[in-house]
Amino acid sequence: MVLRLVTDELTRAQKLRVAYSAWARADVDMLIAMFADDGEFTLVGNPVLNPHSGLRLGIPGLRGVLAQFHRDFRVREFVIEKVLVDGDDAAVHWHSSLELIRTGRVVESERCDLIQFRGGLIQKILCFFDSATMAVMTGRAQSTGTDALDEPGSTGTHRQLPPGE
């Protein structure tokens, strides 16, 4: 049985804010309730470098990836920068500060999601993010040379080099 929220009176932009708030609180059941039973979730990236990457189909696939994500990361900060809705299509630009639970390392993650609705439910999410920084921060990839990512307590923010360096 899947819990369905009473969200018929909400606009699609409001529904997305409810869904992303549930994600930030690790409220998997509430987030799942916003999806169609045959919904799709794709986190763009290489699953070898980022195990949360790839296509997940249906409620079981979505539940699995969300539960795994929240076992691996703690959301320290979450901000929706912009929500754009055009009929059944939407885009959400957001930022989060995530703590990798096993190491305590923090990564700043800026993302953009493309979303499709079917009826009042989310049918599909395609999530774009900086998968290279995430792979380095989680230890699945190494950066070369001295880099802000290698420093203890790094937030994953790169320093800007002057032109020519």
Protein backbone atom coordinates (compact mmCIF):
# COMPACT_ATOMS: atom_id res chain seq x y z
CA MET A 1 0.00 0.00 0.00
CA VAL A 2 1.26 3.47 -0.89
CA LEU A 3 0.27 6.53 1.10
CA ARG A 4 -1.13 9.30 -1.09
CA LEU A 5 -1.07 12.85 0.20
CA VAL A 6 -4.05 15.09 -0.33
CA THR A 7 -2.36 17.51 -2.70
CA ASP A 8 -5.10 18.08 -5.28
CA GLU A 9 -5.47 21.71 -4.22
CA LEU A 10 -1.75 22.49 -4.57
CA THR A 11 -0.14 23.91 -7.70
CA ARG A 12 2.62 21.85 -9.28
CA ALA A 13 5.23 24.30 -7.95
CA GLN A 14 3.83 23.84 -4.43
CA LYS A 15 3.82 20.05 -4.85
CA LEU A 16 7.49 20.19 -5.83
CA ARG A 17 8.33 22.25 -2.76
CA VAL A 18 6.57 19.63 -0.60
CA ALA A 19 8.47 16.82 -2.36
CA TYR A 20 11.89 18.48 -2.01
CA SER A 21 11.19 19.33 1.62
CA ALA A 22 10.44 15.64 2.22
CA TRP A 23 13.74 14.72 0.52
CA ALA A 24 15.70 17.15 2.71
CA ARG A 25 14.09 15.68 5.87
CA ALA A 26 14.74 12.10 4.68
CA ASP A 27 10.98 11.50 4.72
CA VAL A 28 11.03 8.78 2.07
CA ASP A 29 7.37 7.80 2.54
CA MET A 30 6.13 11.34 1.93
CA LEU A 31 8.32 11.73 -1.15
CA ILE A 32 7.22 8.36 -2.55
CA ALA A 33 3.59 9.46 -2.16
CA MET A 34 4.27 12.25 -4.68
CA PHE A 35 5.28 9.76 -7.43
CA ALA A 36 3.26 7.74 -9.91
CA ASP A 37 3.51 3.99 -9.24
CA ASP A 38 5.49 3.54 -12.47
CA GLY A 39 7.56 6.69 -11.96
CA GLU A 40 11.16 7.03 -13.13
CA PHE A 41 14.11 8.63 -11.36
CA THR A 42 17.46 9.08 -13.10
CA LEU A 43 20.51 10.56 -11.42
CA VAL A 44 22.88 11.35 -14.27
CA GLY A 45 26.37 9.96 -13.77
CA ASN A 46 28.46 6.83 -13.73
CA PRO A 47 27.19 4.24 -11.18
CA VAL A 48 30.78 3.02 -10.67
CA LEU A 49 31.76 6.47 -9.37
CA ASN A 50 28.40 7.30 -7.80
CA PRO A 51 26.31 4.31 -6.70
CA HIS A 52 23.17 6.47 -6.48
CA SER A 53 23.47 7.24 -10.23
CA GLY A 54 21.40 5.50 -12.83
CA LEU A 55 17.77 4.83 -13.68
CA ARG A 56 15.33 3.64 -11.03
CA LEU A 57 11.88 2.44 -12.05
CA GLY A 58 8.72 2.31 -9.98
CA ILE A 59 8.15 2.76 -6.28
CA PRO A 60 10.51 -0.09 -5.19
CA GLY A 61 13.41 1.36 -7.22
CA LEU A 62 12.76 4.87 -5.97
CA ARG A 63 12.39 3.74 -2.37
CA GLY A 64 15.67 1.80 -2.58
CA VAL A 65 17.79 4.65 -3.94
CA LEU A 66 16.31 7.20 -1.55
CA ALA A 67 16.82 4.99 1.48
CA GLN A 68 20.42 4.25 0.43
CA PHE A 69 21.14 7.94 -0.17
CA HIS A 70 19.94 8.89 3.31
CA ARG A 71 21.97 6.06 4.88
CA ASP A 72 25.06 7.51 3.17
CA PHE A 73 24.42 11.27 3.54
CA ARG A 74 23.00 13.70 6.06
CA VAL A 75 21.44 16.84 4.60
CA ARG A 76 22.95 19.78 6.49
CA GLU A 77 21.43 22.58 4.41
CA PHE A 78 18.92 22.67 1.59
CA VAL A 79 17.77 25.58 -0.56
CA ILE A 80 15.49 25.64 -3.60
CA GLU A 81 16.86 28.36 -5.85
CA LYS A 82 14.13 28.30 -8.50
CA VAL A 83 11.09 26.29 -9.57
CA LEU A 84 9.82 26.67 -13.14
CA VAL A 85 6.60 24.96 -14.25
CA ASP A 86 5.13 24.79 -17.75
CA GLY A 87 2.14 22.46 -17.93
CA ASP A 88 3.31 18.92 -17.17
CA ASP A 89 6.99 19.91 -17.28
CA ALA A 90 9.04 21.50 -14.52
CA ALA A 91 12.61 22.36 -13.64
CA VAL A 92 14.02 22.79 -10.14
CA HIS A 93 17.39 24.40 -9.44
CA TRP A 94 18.55 23.61 -5.92
CA HIS A 95 21.54 23.51 -3.62
CA SER A 96 22.39 21.30 -0.67
CA SER A 97 25.19 20.82 1.78
CA LEU A 98 25.62 17.09 2.34
CA GLU A 99 27.68 15.29 4.98
CA LEU A 100 29.04 11.87 4.03
CA ILE A 101 28.14 9.99 7.22
CA ARG A 102 31.03 7.50 7.18
CA THR A 103 33.73 10.19 6.93
CA GLY A 104 32.12 13.45 8.07
CA ARG A 105 33.24 15.13 4.83
CA VAL A 106 30.92 17.81 3.50
CA VAL A 107 30.12 18.40 -0.14
CA GLU A 108 28.28 21.36 -1.58
CA SER A 109 25.95 20.03 -4.24
CA GLU A 110 24.21 22.21 -6.81
CA ARG A 111 21.66 20.41 -8.93
CA CYS A 112 19.09 20.88 -11.62
CA ASP A 113 16.19 18.48 -12.03
CA LEU A 114 13.92 18.14 -15.04
CA ILE A 115 10.53 16.82 -14.00
CA GLN A 116 7.48 15.50 -15.81
CA PHE A 117 4.06 15.18 -14.20
CA ARG A 118 1.28 12.82 -15.16
CA GLY A 119 -1.95 13.93 -13.64
CA GLY A 120 -1.14 15.19 -10.17
CA LEU A 121 1.89 12.94 -9.63
CA ILE A 122 5.55 13.05 -10.57
CA GLN A 123 6.15 10.67 -13.47
CA LYS A 124 9.82 11.31 -14.16
CA ILE A 125 12.83 13.13 -12.69
CA LEU A 126 16.12 13.57 -14.51
CA CYS A 127 18.70 14.96 -12.04
CA PHE A 128 21.90 16.71 -13.17
CA PHE A 129 24.72 17.40 -10.68
CA ASP A 130 28.51 17.66 -10.35
CA SER A 131 29.17 13.93 -10.27
CA ALA A 132 32.97 14.38 -10.46
CA THR A 133 33.14 16.37 -7.22
CA MET A 134 30.79 13.90 -5.56
CA ALA A 135 33.03 10.98 -6.64
CA VAL A 136 36.12 12.70 -5.21
CA MET A 137 34.38 13.63 -1.96
CA THR A 138 33.14 10.07 -1.43
CA GLY A 139 36.59 8.59 -2.17
CA ARG A 140 35.52 6.80 -5.36
CA ALA A 141 37.83 9.00 -7.44
CA GLN A 142 41.04 10.85 -6.66
CA SER A 143 41.98 14.38 -7.55
CA THR A 144 45.50 15.04 -8.70
CA GLY A 145 47.85 17.55 -7.09
CA THR A 146 47.01 19.91 -4.28
CA ASP A 147 43.39 20.81 -4.45
CA ALA A 148 40.80 22.30 -2.15
CA LEU A 149 39.07 18.91 -2.18
CA ASP A 150 42.08 17.27 -0.54
CA GLU A 151 42.19 19.60 2.45
CA PRO A 152 40.70 18.36 5.74
CA GLY A 153 37.31 19.91 6.39
CA SER A 154 36.92 20.77 2.71
CA THR A 155 33.43 21.66 1.57
CA GLY A 156 34.17 20.61 -1.99
CA THR A 157 34.30 24.19 -3.20
CA HIS A 158 36.99 24.72 -5.83
CA ARG A 159 39.23 27.76 -5.69
CA GLN A 160 39.34 29.88 -8.80
CA LEU A 161 42.78 30.26 -10.41
CA PRO A 162 43.80 33.45 -12.15
CA PRO A 163 44.00 33.19 -15.98
CA GLY A 164 47.21 31.55 -17.19
CA GLU A 165 47.80 29.40 -14.07
